[in-house]
Amino acid sequence: MNWIKNFVRPRIRSILGVVRREVPENMWIKDPDSGQMVFFKDLEANQFVFPGSDHHHRVPVATRFSLMFDGGVFEPLPAPTATIDPLKFRAEKKYTDQLKDAKAKAAAEDSVQAGFGTVNDQPMVIAVQDMGFIGGSLGMAAGDAIIAAMRFAVSKNCPFVIFVASGGARMQEGILSLMQLPRTTIAVQELREAKLPYIVVLTNPTTGGVTASYAMLGDVHLAEPNAQIGFAGQRVIEQTIREKLPAGFQRSEYLKAHGMVDIVVHRHDMKATVSRIARLLMKQDAKVMTGALVPVE
């Protein structure tokens, strides 16, 4: 127990009439590139893009939906229920407790949320993967949510867009998590058979088993600037091949230059770009403007 901190200092403050102001933890956010402190409200108003360095900060799921859907209005798609803790996994804490904490923090059932609405008057189903929910990991519930959203898009005969952010498969569900890779691949095939656009937006980071499945099966792959995209980590690859990897390896711009990403799109242009690509693939607009499709250099 710190006697000076817990007793003496508060007593001095009370005598001098000093009132301590409580400052919210997220009032200021540090730019990871430039080190500049940015007021949270200013960052939020700029779509969570740091004004100085143009660094794309992580976007809350609700904000992502509001940025994409017209007027921020959409129909949330119900999340399918999945078996909780089928393997009775326990590490530092029980998996059930970890899930409970994650659900309370995210106000969601799992790492994937989906909604149906219009994007520049184009009906569309959008799914968003939440990196804050156990690292955006892919478990049974997340897999079910993606499959259900894809099938809903088929029923509505509209494009399907997914914003991917994940650390990979969820180790707490073992082989049951890995089974979501072929399951989601089959759902992608259902979109193909219905001849509906499947647009993937890769955000920072997109790694692991997710990269090895639905994240790389899109008709068009967009990516936010400087997003980390890959399967294994850079350090693991270097230790395996015993070579130093090139600068910018596994980043959006590098992957675009090597054909893995089609377009690197600034967040401010994302809505316009997605809607134009969707209309082009749906053959709904013969006069598609291509200004927003210019890659970010």
Protein backbone atom coordinates (compact mmCIF):
# COMPACT_ATOMS: atom_id res chain seq x y z
CA MET A 1 0.00 0.00 0.00
CA ASN A 2 1.38 3.40 -1.01
CA TRP A 3 0.71 5.55 2.08
CA ILE A 4 1.79 8.83 0.49
CA LYS A 5 -0.25 8.30 -2.67
CA ASN A 6 -3.38 6.93 -1.02
CA PHE A 7 -3.57 9.06 2.13
CA VAL A 8 -1.23 12.05 2.22
CA ARG A 9 -1.83 13.38 -1.30
CA PRO A 10 -5.66 13.23 -1.13
CA ARG A 11 -5.53 14.89 2.30
CA ILE A 12 -3.41 17.77 0.96
CA ARG A 13 -5.78 18.18 -2.01
CA SER A 14 -8.78 18.36 0.32
CA ILE A 15 -7.11 20.99 2.51
CA LEU A 16 -6.12 23.15 -0.47
CA GLY A 17 -9.46 22.65 -2.14
CA VAL A 18 -7.91 21.11 -5.23
CA VAL A 19 -10.44 19.14 -7.25
CA ARG A 20 -8.98 16.49 -9.53
CA ARG A 21 -10.52 16.40 -12.98
CA GLU A 22 -11.16 12.96 -14.37
CA VAL A 23 -9.98 12.75 -17.98
CA PRO A 24 -11.42 9.98 -20.18
CA GLU A 25 -8.76 7.55 -21.33
CA ASN A 26 -9.71 7.92 -24.99
CA MET A 27 -9.85 11.73 -25.14
CA TRP A 28 -6.48 11.84 -26.89
CA ILE A 29 -4.98 9.21 -29.20
CA LYS A 30 -1.35 9.00 -30.23
CA ASP A 31 -0.55 8.71 -33.93
CA PRO A 32 1.58 5.54 -34.20
CA ASP A 33 3.45 6.96 -37.20
CA SER A 34 4.21 10.54 -36.22
CA GLY A 35 3.74 10.38 -32.45
CA GLN A 36 1.36 13.35 -32.59
CA MET A 37 -1.45 13.43 -30.03
CA VAL A 38 -4.83 13.85 -31.74
CA PHE A 39 -8.10 14.77 -30.07
CA PHE A 40 -10.43 11.78 -30.28
CA LYS A 41 -13.38 13.79 -31.63
CA ASP A 42 -11.20 15.17 -34.42
CA LEU A 43 -10.00 11.69 -35.30
CA GLU A 44 -13.57 10.39 -35.30
CA ALA A 45 -14.71 13.24 -37.55
CA ASN A 46 -11.95 12.32 -40.01
CA GLN A 47 -13.17 8.70 -40.24
CA PHE A 48 -10.43 7.56 -37.85
CA VAL A 49 -7.66 8.64 -40.23
CA PHE A 50 -4.87 10.60 -38.51
CA PRO A 51 -4.67 13.98 -40.27
CA GLY A 52 -0.89 14.34 -40.04
CA SER A 53 0.41 10.96 -41.23
CA ASP A 54 -2.76 9.64 -42.94
CA HIS A 55 -2.45 6.52 -40.78
CA HIS A 56 -5.68 4.48 -40.88
CA HIS A 57 -6.68 3.73 -37.30
CA ARG A 58 -8.93 0.82 -36.36
CA VAL A 59 -12.62 1.63 -36.96
CA PRO A 60 -15.38 0.52 -34.59
CA VAL A 61 -17.92 -1.78 -36.24
CA ALA A 62 -20.81 0.65 -35.72
CA THR A 63 -18.78 3.45 -37.29
CA ARG A 64 -17.90 1.28 -40.29
CA PHE A 65 -21.58 0.63 -40.92
CA SER A 66 -22.46 4.31 -40.56
CA LEU A 67 -19.71 5.28 -43.02
CA MET A 68 -20.89 2.80 -45.64
CA PHE A 69 -24.68 2.68 -45.47
CA ASP A 70 -26.71 5.65 -46.72
CA GLY A 71 -27.57 7.84 -43.76
CA GLY A 72 -26.11 5.20 -41.46
CA VAL A 73 -29.43 3.32 -41.75
CA PHE A 74 -29.38 -0.45 -42.14
CA GLU A 75 -31.04 -3.66 -40.99
CA PRO A 76 -28.81 -5.63 -38.61
CA LEU A 77 -28.76 -9.30 -39.55
CA PRO A 78 -29.33 -11.68 -36.64
CA ALA A 79 -26.26 -13.56 -35.49
CA PRO A 80 -26.69 -17.35 -35.58
CA THR A 81 -26.18 -19.14 -32.29
CA ALA A 82 -23.29 -21.56 -31.96
CA THR A 83 -22.16 -24.05 -29.35
CA ILE A 84 -20.26 -22.28 -26.58
CA ASP A 85 -16.89 -23.73 -25.58
CA PRO A 86 -17.31 -27.13 -27.27
CA LEU A 87 -13.77 -28.18 -26.30
CA LYS A 88 -13.99 -26.97 -22.68
CA PHE A 89 -10.87 -24.89 -23.35
CA ARG A 90 -9.05 -23.28 -20.49
CA ALA A 91 -5.76 -21.37 -20.37
CA GLU A 92 -5.16 -18.42 -18.05
CA LYS A 93 -8.95 -18.10 -17.87
CA LYS A 94 -11.91 -20.14 -19.06
CA TYR A 95 -12.94 -19.65 -22.67
CA THR A 96 -16.52 -19.08 -21.50
CA ASP A 97 -15.34 -16.19 -19.32
CA GLN A 98 -13.26 -14.79 -22.18
CA LEU A 99 -16.28 -14.91 -24.48
CA LYS A 100 -18.46 -13.26 -21.87
CA ASP A 101 -16.01 -10.37 -21.46
CA ALA A 102 -15.62 -9.96 -25.24
CA LYS A 103 -19.38 -9.93 -25.81
CA ALA A 104 -19.91 -7.33 -23.11
CA LYS A 105 -17.13 -5.10 -24.47
CA ALA A 106 -18.24 -5.35 -28.12
CA ALA A 107 -21.99 -5.49 -27.44
CA ALA A 108 -22.10 -8.27 -30.02
CA GLU A 109 -22.33 -12.05 -30.11
CA ASP A 110 -19.03 -12.60 -31.89
CA SER A 111 -16.34 -11.11 -34.10
CA VAL A 112 -18.50 -10.77 -37.24
CA GLN A 113 -21.50 -8.48 -37.57
CA ALA A 114 -23.56 -7.98 -40.73
CA GLY A 115 -26.21 -5.60 -42.00
CA PHE A 116 -28.41 -4.99 -45.02
CA GLY A 117 -29.07 -1.55 -46.48
CA THR A 118 -28.22 0.70 -49.40
CA VAL A 119 -24.84 2.10 -50.42
CA ASN A 120 -25.37 5.05 -52.77
CA ASP A 121 -28.84 3.61 -53.47
CA GLN A 122 -27.42 0.16 -54.25
CA PRO A 123 -28.88 -2.61 -52.03
CA MET A 124 -26.00 -4.39 -50.34
CA VAL A 125 -25.11 -6.76 -47.53
CA ILE A 126 -22.02 -5.73 -45.58
CA ALA A 127 -20.20 -7.82 -42.98
CA VAL A 128 -17.55 -6.37 -40.66
CA GLN A 129 -14.98 -8.32 -38.69
CA ASP A 130 -14.14 -6.83 -35.32
CA MET A 131 -10.44 -7.06 -34.46
CA GLY A 132 -11.30 -6.10 -30.89
CA PHE A 133 -13.29 -9.30 -30.36
CA ILE A 134 -10.63 -11.86 -29.37
CA GLY A 135 -8.37 -10.58 -32.13
CA GLY A 136 -11.08 -10.87 -34.79
CA SER A 137 -10.52 -14.61 -34.66
CA LEU A 138 -12.64 -16.97 -36.72
CA GLY A 139 -14.69 -19.38 -34.65
CA MET A 140 -17.91 -21.28 -35.24
CA ALA A 141 -20.19 -18.33 -34.47
CA ALA A 142 -18.20 -16.01 -36.76
CA GLY A 143 -18.23 -18.61 -39.53
CA ASP A 144 -21.98 -19.06 -39.18
CA ALA A 145 -22.47 -15.27 -39.29
CA ILE A 146 -20.50 -14.96 -42.54
CA ILE A 147 -22.34 -17.85 -44.18
CA ALA A 148 -25.75 -16.53 -43.09
CA ALA A 149 -24.91 -13.04 -44.40
CA MET A 150 -23.76 -14.43 -47.76
CA ARG A 151 -26.94 -16.46 -48.12
CA PHE A 152 -29.01 -13.44 -47.17
CA ALA A 153 -27.31 -11.55 -50.02
CA VAL A 154 -28.28 -14.37 -52.36
CA SER A 155 -31.89 -14.15 -51.19
CA LYS A 156 -31.88 -10.39 -51.80
CA ASN A 157 -29.99 -10.74 -55.11
CA CYS A 158 -27.49 -8.08 -54.08
CA PRO A 159 -23.70 -7.72 -53.71
CA PHE A 160 -21.89 -8.91 -50.63
CA VAL A 161 -19.04 -6.92 -49.11
CA ILE A 162 -16.88 -7.93 -46.17
CA PHE A 163 -14.39 -5.80 -44.23
CA VAL A 164 -11.81 -8.25 -42.95
CA ALA A 165 -9.66 -7.76 -39.85
CA SER A 166 -8.40 -10.86 -38.10
CA GLY A 167 -5.52 -12.63 -36.45
CA GLY A 168 -6.67 -15.95 -37.89
CA ALA A 169 -8.44 -19.03 -36.57
CA ARG A 170 -9.61 -19.14 -32.94
CA MET A 171 -7.34 -21.55 -31.09
CA GLN A 172 -9.88 -22.04 -28.29
CA GLU A 173 -12.08 -23.93 -30.75
CA GLY A 174 -9.32 -25.99 -32.35
CA ILE A 175 -10.28 -28.03 -35.41
CA LEU A 176 -13.84 -26.67 -35.22
CA SER A 177 -12.41 -23.24 -36.01
CA LEU A 178 -10.40 -24.57 -38.95
CA MET A 179 -13.56 -26.16 -40.33
CA GLN A 180 -14.91 -22.66 -40.94
CA LEU A 181 -12.37 -22.19 -43.75
CA PRO A 182 -13.99 -24.71 -46.14
CA ARG A 183 -17.50 -23.83 -44.90
CA THR A 184 -17.11 -20.15 -45.79
CA THR A 185 -15.49 -21.14 -49.09
CA ILE A 186 -18.62 -23.09 -50.01
CA ALA A 187 -20.76 -20.03 -49.17
CA VAL A 188 -18.58 -17.93 -51.48
CA GLN A 189 -19.29 -20.46 -54.22
CA GLU A 190 -23.01 -19.97 -53.63
CA LEU A 191 -22.54 -16.26 -54.34
CA ARG A 192 -20.67 -17.16 -57.52
CA GLU A 193 -23.42 -19.50 -58.68
CA ALA A 194 -25.93 -16.70 -58.12
CA LYS A 195 -23.64 -14.41 -60.18
CA LEU A 196 -23.47 -11.84 -57.38
CA PRO A 197 -20.43 -9.64 -56.66
CA TYR A 198 -18.25 -10.59 -53.73
CA ILE A 199 -16.05 -7.67 -52.71
CA VAL A 200 -13.38 -8.06 -50.03
CA VAL A 201 -11.90 -5.08 -48.21
CA LEU A 202 -8.67 -5.99 -46.42
CA THR A 203 -7.95 -3.88 -43.34
CA ASN A 204 -5.15 -3.89 -40.79
CA PRO A 205 -4.40 -6.64 -39.93
CA THR A 206 -5.64 -9.56 -42.04
CA THR A 207 -3.63 -12.67 -41.22
CA GLY A 208 -3.71 -16.40 -40.55
CA GLY A 209 -6.38 -18.81 -41.67
CA VAL A 210 -8.74 -16.00 -42.65
CA THR A 211 -6.26 -14.98 -45.35
CA ALA A 212 -6.18 -18.61 -46.47
CA SER A 213 -9.94 -18.71 -47.04
CA TYR A 214 -12.69 -16.17 -47.73
CA ALA A 215 -10.40 -13.12 -47.52
CA MET A 216 -8.66 -14.13 -50.76
CA LEU A 217 -11.66 -15.40 -52.72
CA GLY A 218 -13.27 -12.09 -53.69
CA ASP A 219 -14.09 -10.97 -57.20
CA VAL A 220 -12.27 -7.76 -56.31
CA HIS A 221 -9.81 -7.21 -53.46
CA LEU A 222 -9.58 -3.73 -52.02
CA ALA A 223 -7.25 -2.77 -49.19
CA GLU A 224 -6.82 0.21 -46.93
CA PRO A 225 -3.42 1.93 -47.09
CA ASN A 226 -0.52 0.24 -45.28
CA ALA A 227 -2.67 -2.62 -44.00
CA GLN A 228 -0.78 -5.75 -42.94
CA ILE A 229 -1.96 -8.68 -45.02
CA GLY A 230 -0.47 -12.16 -44.96
CA PHE A 231 -0.63 -15.70 -43.65
CA ALA A 232 2.37 -16.20 -41.38
CA GLY A 233 4.13 -13.40 -39.54
CA GLN A 234 7.15 -11.70 -41.06
CA ARG A 235 9.50 -12.92 -38.33
CA VAL A 236 8.36 -16.53 -38.79
CA ILE A 237 8.94 -16.31 -42.55
CA GLU A 238 12.41 -14.82 -42.11
CA GLN A 239 13.38 -17.57 -39.66
CA THR A 240 12.06 -20.23 -42.03
CA ILE A 241 13.70 -19.06 -45.26
CA ARG A 242 16.72 -17.51 -43.46
CA GLU A 243 16.51 -14.36 -45.54
CA LYS A 244 15.67 -10.72 -44.87
CA LEU A 245 12.31 -9.79 -46.38
CA PRO A 246 12.00 -6.68 -48.58
CA ALA A 247 10.79 -3.35 -47.20
CA GLY A 248 7.02 -3.03 -47.07
CA PHE A 249 6.52 -6.79 -47.24
CA GLN A 250 2.93 -7.86 -46.42
CA ARG A 251 1.67 -4.29 -46.71
CA SER A 252 -1.15 -3.20 -49.03
CA GLU A 253 1.02 -1.28 -51.46
CA TYR A 254 3.57 -4.09 -51.78
CA LEU A 255 0.82 -6.68 -52.37
CA LYS A 256 -0.84 -4.49 -54.98
CA ALA A 257 2.45 -4.21 -56.85
CA HIS A 258 2.68 -8.03 -56.82
CA GLY A 259 -0.90 -8.75 -57.88
CA MET A 260 -2.44 -9.90 -54.59
CA VAL A 261 -4.49 -6.71 -54.10
CA ASP A 262 -6.43 -5.01 -56.89
CA ILE A 263 -6.78 -1.48 -55.50
CA VAL A 264 -5.49 0.36 -52.45
CA VAL A 265 -8.31 2.69 -51.42
CA HIS A 266 -8.26 5.56 -48.95
CA ARG A 267 -11.01 5.29 -46.35
CA HIS A 268 -12.53 8.57 -47.49
CA ASP A 269 -13.06 7.04 -50.94
CA MET A 270 -14.18 3.59 -49.79
CA LYS A 271 -17.93 4.04 -50.03
CA ALA A 272 -17.80 5.55 -53.52
CA THR A 273 -15.37 2.90 -54.74
CA VAL A 274 -17.33 -0.06 -53.37
CA SER A 275 -20.63 1.20 -54.78
CA ARG A 276 -19.15 1.83 -58.23
CA ILE A 277 -17.53 -1.58 -58.40
CA ALA A 278 -20.77 -3.21 -57.25
CA ARG A 279 -22.78 -1.39 -59.92
CA LEU A 280 -20.24 -2.30 -62.57
CA LEU A 281 -20.30 -5.99 -61.64
CA MET A 282 -24.11 -5.98 -61.41
CA LYS A 283 -24.24 -4.26 -64.83
CA GLN A 284 -26.61 -1.64 -63.43
CA ASP A 285 -24.82 1.50 -64.56
CA ALA A 286 -23.32 1.78 -68.03
CA LYS A 287 -21.76 5.17 -67.18
CA VAL A 288 -19.53 4.14 -64.33
CA MET A 289 -17.12 6.88 -63.29
CA THR A 290 -13.67 5.52 -62.55
CA GLY A 291 -12.21 8.45 -60.63
CA ALA A 292 -12.44 6.68 -57.28
CA LEU A 293 -10.86 3.55 -58.72
CA VAL A 294 -7.46 5.14 -59.12
CA PRO A 295 -5.03 3.26 -56.84
CA VAL A 296 -3.44 5.09 -53.93
CA GLU A 297 0.28 5.36 -54.66
